[in-house]
Structure formats: structure tokens, C-alpha cells
Amino acid sequence: MLRYQTTASFGLGGGWQIMGMIPVDAKLLSIEYTTMDGEPYDPPYGDIHHRNETLFGLGDGRVEAQYFFRVAEGWVLGGGLGATVPLGRTEENPYALAARSEKHQHMQMGSGTVDPAFSLSSAWTGTKWGATLTSSGSMPLAENRHGYKPTPVLQFSVGPTYTINPSFITTAEVSLTREWQAKWDGVPDRMSGRTVLTAGGALIYRLNPSWATMVQGHSTLGQWSDAGLILQRFKGTIGVSWTPKAR
């Protein structure tokens, strides 16, 4: 799974800003059928369930109105309220299509719904050491036109930061994510719902006051779910940010 994501924030003054995010996703799927003893197997029903393919397109975006304020020297709190933007392609109920032996797709690019979303953050910065604590989530309230109600999501992350010099900053974090089950026509999707614990770190290099680059990596420490869901053992991120000079 690959993602290119553009995030933009526009300051409104007085601690307020508008944030918008648009992702472009590529999902490369490879399937191999075998018998219980590991021998190759060619299913008589063909590729109606799973197939070798590449899915490409927009994912769901996100828009938030955010507010940040300084509590004390080096300590900033903030939060935002907004919604997801249904830009990604959706699919018909795969379980209903499978029951009719029709070709179907379990991997969706989007949800097809506008879901309330929030974010909270706290950052403390000292001369060398600092720390961040963040939380974010979304709470779907309705089904899309295919009868799909997306997964409610809640995430927490915490970790230290260390300033090596004015140009280099390192960060580390532990993150806990809970995804509840999605639903198709009111029936829980058995291939959804999980709790994931990850840990990772990043190196940030400031080219100048306006431009910075980042390399980040996360590894999954544990995943718990009722079904055997896809496990992302490692996730890597390369980023570039630009901040215009203050007027």
C-alpha cells in the first residue's frame, strides 16, 4: 500500500487555522490459492473473490478548523473539529455479491460518507528535550449509498523529541489505534475491527526557516482482531514541508 498525501494549513490569526488533507492511494494486491497442504489450487469459481490487481485513485480527504494557544513558556495546546470528505471510490456490498457468486471487491478507496472528525494535541519544547501527545478520530453517523457504514477510529500517540542542533530534530513515539467494526446493511463486517500498537521515530532536517524534510518509520508491535486482517509490519514516510515567512 502506497500513499501520496498533500496537507495544507492556512492561518486565520488569533491562534486559528484551517487544515485540509487530500490523499492519493495505490493498493497492489497479489493473491495465491493453495490447498491445505500448500499445493497450488485453481478455484472453480475463478477470480470473483480475490485477484491480482492494482487499485489507484483518490482516498477520502479531511478538513478541520483548528485552534492553538500557548499555556506557558514552551507549552502549546490545540485541537480541531471537522469532517472527512468522501473523495475515494466505493464498492457495492461484497458479501451480498459473493452470495450471488458475482465478482466483488473488499478493498475500498473511500467510505462514501461525511464523518465528523476531531484532533487534539499538546506539545512541550525545552532547550533540547521536548514531548508531544496527540489524539485524533472520526465517528461515522450514516451509511453510504451502498449500505456501508465506515469504521469509527480513535488514535493516541505520545513520545519525546530531541533537538540535536538548530537544523536536526529527532522524535520517537508510541501509538495506539482502535478501529471498531464497519457495517454492511447494518451487519458488522467480520473483516474489520482491530487494535494496533506501533512504535517509531523520525529525523527532521531544516534546510532553512521555510523548508524542512522528514524521514519517518513505524513498526507494528502488536495487532489484535477477531479475523485475520492485513498486518502492516512496517510503514515508512518521506515528507517535505514549506512554511512561508511571517509577514
Protein backbone atom coordinates (compact mmCIF):
# COMPACT_ATOMS: atom_id res chain seq x y z
CA MET A 1 0.00 0.00 0.00
CA LEU A 2 1.38 3.38 -1.07
CA ARG A 3 0.05 6.86 -0.33
CA TYR A 4 0.92 10.35 -1.55
CA GLN A 5 -0.66 12.96 0.69
CA THR A 6 -0.89 16.73 0.45
CA THR A 7 -1.75 18.64 3.63
CA ALA A 8 -2.18 22.42 3.73
CA SER A 9 -2.90 24.78 6.63
CA PHE A 10 -3.91 28.43 6.40
CA GLY A 11 -3.61 30.69 9.42
CA LEU A 12 -6.56 32.94 10.24
CA GLY A 13 -4.93 34.80 13.11
CA GLY A 14 -5.53 34.65 16.85
CA GLY A 15 -4.44 31.01 17.02
CA TRP A 16 -6.95 29.78 14.43
CA GLN A 17 -6.20 27.91 11.22
CA ILE A 18 -7.92 25.82 8.56
CA MET A 19 -6.36 22.45 7.66
CA GLY A 20 -7.14 20.38 4.59
CA MET A 21 -5.75 17.00 3.51
CA ILE A 22 -6.10 15.03 0.25
CA PRO A 23 -4.51 11.56 -0.24
CA VAL A 24 -3.84 9.57 -3.40
CA ASP A 25 -3.63 5.81 -2.77
CA ALA A 26 -2.20 2.84 -4.64
CA LYS A 27 -3.05 -0.65 -3.38
CA LEU A 28 -1.18 -3.53 -5.02
CA LEU A 29 -2.92 -6.85 -4.41
CA SER A 30 -1.42 -10.27 -5.08
CA ILE A 31 -3.31 -13.49 -4.39
CA GLU A 32 -2.17 -17.13 -4.41
CA TYR A 33 -4.58 -20.01 -3.82
CA THR A 34 -3.28 -23.21 -2.21
CA THR A 35 -4.75 -26.36 -0.74
CA MET A 36 -4.50 -27.08 2.98
CA ASP A 37 -1.19 -28.88 2.41
CA GLY A 38 0.30 -25.96 0.44
CA GLU A 39 -0.18 -27.22 -3.11
CA PRO A 40 -1.24 -24.72 -5.83
CA TYR A 41 -5.01 -24.57 -6.29
CA ASP A 42 -7.13 -23.17 -9.12
CA PRO A 43 -10.58 -22.42 -7.67
CA PRO A 44 -13.53 -23.39 -9.90
CA TYR A 45 -15.26 -20.07 -9.18
CA GLY A 46 -12.43 -18.10 -10.84
CA ASP A 47 -11.42 -14.68 -9.53
CA ILE A 48 -14.74 -13.41 -8.21
CA HIS A 49 -13.37 -13.20 -4.64
CA HIS A 50 -9.71 -12.14 -4.93
CA ARG A 51 -7.42 -11.36 -7.86
CA ASN A 52 -4.07 -9.87 -8.78
CA GLU A 53 -4.73 -6.17 -9.36
CA THR A 54 -3.66 -2.62 -8.61
CA LEU A 55 -6.17 -0.13 -7.24
CA PHE A 56 -5.31 3.54 -7.74
CA GLY A 57 -7.16 6.77 -7.01
CA LEU A 58 -8.10 9.41 -4.50
CA GLY A 59 -8.67 8.46 -0.88
CA ASP A 60 -11.01 10.33 1.44
CA GLY A 61 -9.89 13.82 2.40
CA ARG A 62 -10.23 15.68 5.68
CA VAL A 63 -10.97 19.30 6.65
CA GLU A 64 -10.63 20.79 10.15
CA ALA A 65 -10.91 24.16 11.83
CA GLN A 66 -8.12 24.19 14.43
CA TYR A 67 -7.17 26.40 17.37
CA PHE A 68 -3.83 26.54 19.20
CA PHE A 69 -2.81 28.53 22.27
CA ARG A 70 0.22 28.85 24.49
CA VAL A 71 -0.33 27.63 28.05
CA ALA A 72 3.15 28.51 29.35
CA GLU A 73 6.66 29.06 28.03
CA GLY A 74 7.35 26.25 25.57
CA TRP A 75 3.96 24.56 26.07
CA VAL A 76 1.23 24.69 23.40
CA LEU A 77 -2.22 23.06 23.36
CA GLY A 78 -4.53 22.73 20.39
CA GLY A 79 -7.44 20.95 18.85
CA GLY A 80 -9.65 20.81 15.82
CA LEU A 81 -13.11 19.85 14.64
CA GLY A 82 -14.03 18.95 11.11
CA ALA A 83 -15.12 16.13 8.84
CA THR A 84 -13.89 13.60 6.34
CA VAL A 85 -14.50 14.38 2.66
CA PRO A 86 -15.77 11.42 0.55
CA LEU A 87 -13.42 11.56 -2.45
CA GLY A 88 -12.49 7.88 -2.74
CA ARG A 89 -14.26 5.25 -4.82
CA THR A 90 -16.70 2.96 -3.01
CA GLU A 91 -17.93 -0.57 -3.74
CA GLU A 92 -21.18 -2.49 -3.54
CA ASN A 93 -21.77 -4.89 -0.65
CA PRO A 94 -19.14 -7.63 -1.30
CA TYR A 95 -20.90 -10.18 0.91
CA ALA A 96 -24.20 -9.80 -0.97
CA LEU A 97 -22.40 -10.13 -4.31
CA ALA A 98 -20.47 -13.19 -3.07
CA ALA A 99 -23.73 -14.84 -2.00
CA ARG A 100 -24.87 -14.48 -5.64
CA SER A 101 -21.48 -15.76 -6.92
CA GLU A 102 -20.78 -12.38 -8.53
CA LYS A 103 -17.42 -10.63 -8.80
CA HIS A 104 -16.81 -8.22 -5.91
CA GLN A 105 -14.20 -6.06 -4.19
CA HIS A 106 -13.45 -5.84 -0.45
CA MET A 107 -10.82 -3.07 -0.74
CA GLN A 108 -12.44 0.35 -0.99
CA MET A 109 -10.66 3.62 -1.78
CA GLY A 110 -13.10 5.67 0.31
CA SER A 111 -16.13 5.49 2.57
CA GLY A 112 -18.71 7.50 0.65
CA THR A 113 -19.77 9.35 3.81
CA VAL A 114 -19.06 12.65 5.54
CA ASP A 115 -17.88 11.68 9.03
CA PRO A 116 -17.34 14.08 11.97
CA ALA A 117 -13.64 14.18 12.91
CA PHE A 118 -11.50 15.71 15.65
CA SER A 119 -7.88 16.17 16.70
CA LEU A 120 -6.18 17.16 19.97
CA SER A 121 -2.51 17.94 20.54
CA SER A 122 -0.16 19.05 23.27
CA ALA A 123 3.49 19.94 22.68
CA TRP A 124 6.19 20.97 25.11
CA THR A 125 9.55 22.21 23.85
CA GLY A 126 12.62 22.81 26.01
CA THR A 127 16.16 23.80 25.13
CA LYS A 128 16.97 20.26 23.96
CA TRP A 129 14.20 17.92 25.01
CA GLY A 130 10.51 18.11 24.28
CA ALA A 131 7.41 15.92 24.13
CA THR A 132 4.19 15.57 22.16
CA LEU A 133 0.83 14.00 22.97
CA THR A 134 -1.81 13.75 20.25
CA SER A 135 -5.19 12.18 19.69
CA SER A 136 -7.46 12.03 16.65
CA GLY A 137 -10.52 10.19 15.49
CA SER A 138 -13.64 10.03 13.39
CA MET A 139 -17.20 8.91 14.13
CA PRO A 140 -19.35 7.85 11.15
CA LEU A 141 -23.04 8.58 11.62
CA ALA A 142 -24.64 7.30 8.42
CA GLU A 143 -24.41 4.67 5.69
CA ASN A 144 -23.33 5.43 2.14
CA ARG A 145 -25.49 4.69 -0.91
CA HIS A 146 -24.34 1.04 -0.92
CA GLY A 147 -25.39 0.46 2.70
CA TYR A 148 -21.85 0.72 4.08
CA LYS A 149 -21.18 2.43 7.43
CA PRO A 150 -17.44 3.08 7.93
CA THR A 151 -15.21 2.16 10.83
CA PRO A 152 -15.13 4.51 13.85
CA VAL A 153 -11.48 5.29 14.63
CA LEU A 154 -9.68 6.57 17.75
CA GLN A 155 -5.89 7.08 17.96
CA PHE A 156 -3.46 8.19 20.68
CA SER A 157 0.27 8.94 20.24
CA VAL A 158 2.91 10.06 22.73
CA GLY A 159 6.66 10.48 22.59
CA PRO A 160 9.75 12.63 23.19
CA THR A 161 11.61 14.98 20.87
CA TYR A 162 15.29 15.92 20.94
CA THR A 163 16.99 18.84 19.23
CA ILE A 164 20.45 17.79 18.07
CA ASN A 165 21.22 21.24 16.69
CA PRO A 166 19.17 24.05 15.07
CA SER A 167 18.92 22.00 11.86
CA PHE A 168 18.33 18.44 13.17
CA ILE A 169 15.44 17.25 15.33
CA THR A 170 14.68 13.64 16.25
CA THR A 171 11.35 12.29 17.50
CA ALA A 172 10.05 8.99 18.84
CA GLU A 173 6.51 7.88 19.59
CA VAL A 174 4.27 5.03 20.65
CA SER A 175 0.83 4.95 19.06
CA LEU A 176 -2.33 3.03 19.94
CA THR A 177 -5.18 2.85 17.42
CA ARG A 178 -8.62 1.35 17.87
CA GLU A 179 -10.81 0.68 14.83
CA TRP A 180 -14.30 -0.62 15.54
CA GLN A 181 -16.20 -2.78 13.07
CA ALA A 182 -17.70 -1.33 9.93
CA LYS A 183 -21.19 -2.45 8.85
CA TRP A 184 -22.88 -3.53 5.62
CA ASP A 185 -26.66 -3.01 5.69
CA GLY A 186 -26.49 -3.00 9.49
CA VAL A 187 -24.49 -6.25 9.73
CA PRO A 188 -20.96 -6.00 11.22
CA ASP A 189 -18.20 -6.56 8.66
CA ARG A 190 -16.26 -9.54 10.01
CA MET A 191 -13.16 -8.38 8.12
CA SER A 192 -12.90 -5.16 10.13
CA GLY A 193 -12.26 -4.11 13.71
CA ARG A 194 -8.81 -4.18 15.25
CA THR A 195 -6.50 -2.68 17.87
CA VAL A 196 -2.96 -1.79 16.75
CA LEU A 197 0.10 -0.81 18.80
CA THR A 198 3.03 0.74 16.91
CA ALA A 199 6.32 2.43 17.73
CA GLY A 200 8.53 4.60 15.56
CA GLY A 201 10.76 7.58 15.14
CA ALA A 202 11.62 10.38 12.75
CA LEU A 203 14.50 12.60 11.75
CA ILE A 204 13.66 16.16 10.71
CA TYR A 205 16.16 18.35 8.88
CA ARG A 206 15.54 22.08 8.43
CA LEU A 207 17.05 23.35 5.20
CA ASN A 208 16.17 26.93 6.16
CA PRO A 209 13.42 28.69 8.16
CA SER A 210 10.85 27.87 5.44
CA TRP A 211 11.76 24.37 4.18
CA ALA A 212 12.17 21.09 6.07
CA THR A 213 12.42 17.41 5.17
CA MET A 214 11.46 14.36 7.24
CA VAL A 215 12.18 10.63 7.22
CA GLN A 216 9.96 8.52 9.48
CA GLY A 217 9.47 4.83 10.22
CA HIS A 218 6.88 2.88 12.24
CA SER A 219 6.80 -0.80 13.17
CA THR A 220 3.80 -2.75 14.42
CA LEU A 221 4.37 -4.15 17.91
CA GLY A 222 1.03 -5.90 18.12
CA GLN A 223 -2.33 -6.25 16.38
CA TRP A 224 -5.48 -7.77 17.85
CA SER A 225 -8.60 -8.63 15.86
CA ASP A 226 -11.25 -11.32 15.60
CA ALA A 227 -10.37 -12.08 11.97
CA GLY A 228 -7.02 -12.44 10.23
CA LEU A 229 -6.67 -8.88 8.93
CA ILE A 230 -3.84 -7.38 6.89
CA LEU A 231 -0.83 -6.65 9.10
CA GLN A 232 1.42 -3.74 8.17
CA ARG A 233 4.68 -4.77 9.81
CA PHE A 234 6.48 -1.59 8.75
CA LYS A 235 5.42 1.82 7.46
CA GLY A 236 7.87 4.37 6.09
CA THR A 237 7.24 8.05 5.35
CA ILE A 238 9.23 10.68 3.48
CA GLY A 239 7.96 14.24 3.76
CA VAL A 240 8.68 17.81 2.71
CA SER A 241 7.13 20.85 4.37
CA TRP A 242 7.09 24.53 3.45
CA THR A 243 6.16 27.38 5.79
CA PRO A 244 6.04 30.90 4.32
CA LYS A 245 7.85 33.67 6.10
CA ALA A 246 5.81 35.59 8.64
CA ARG A 247 4.54 38.92 7.41
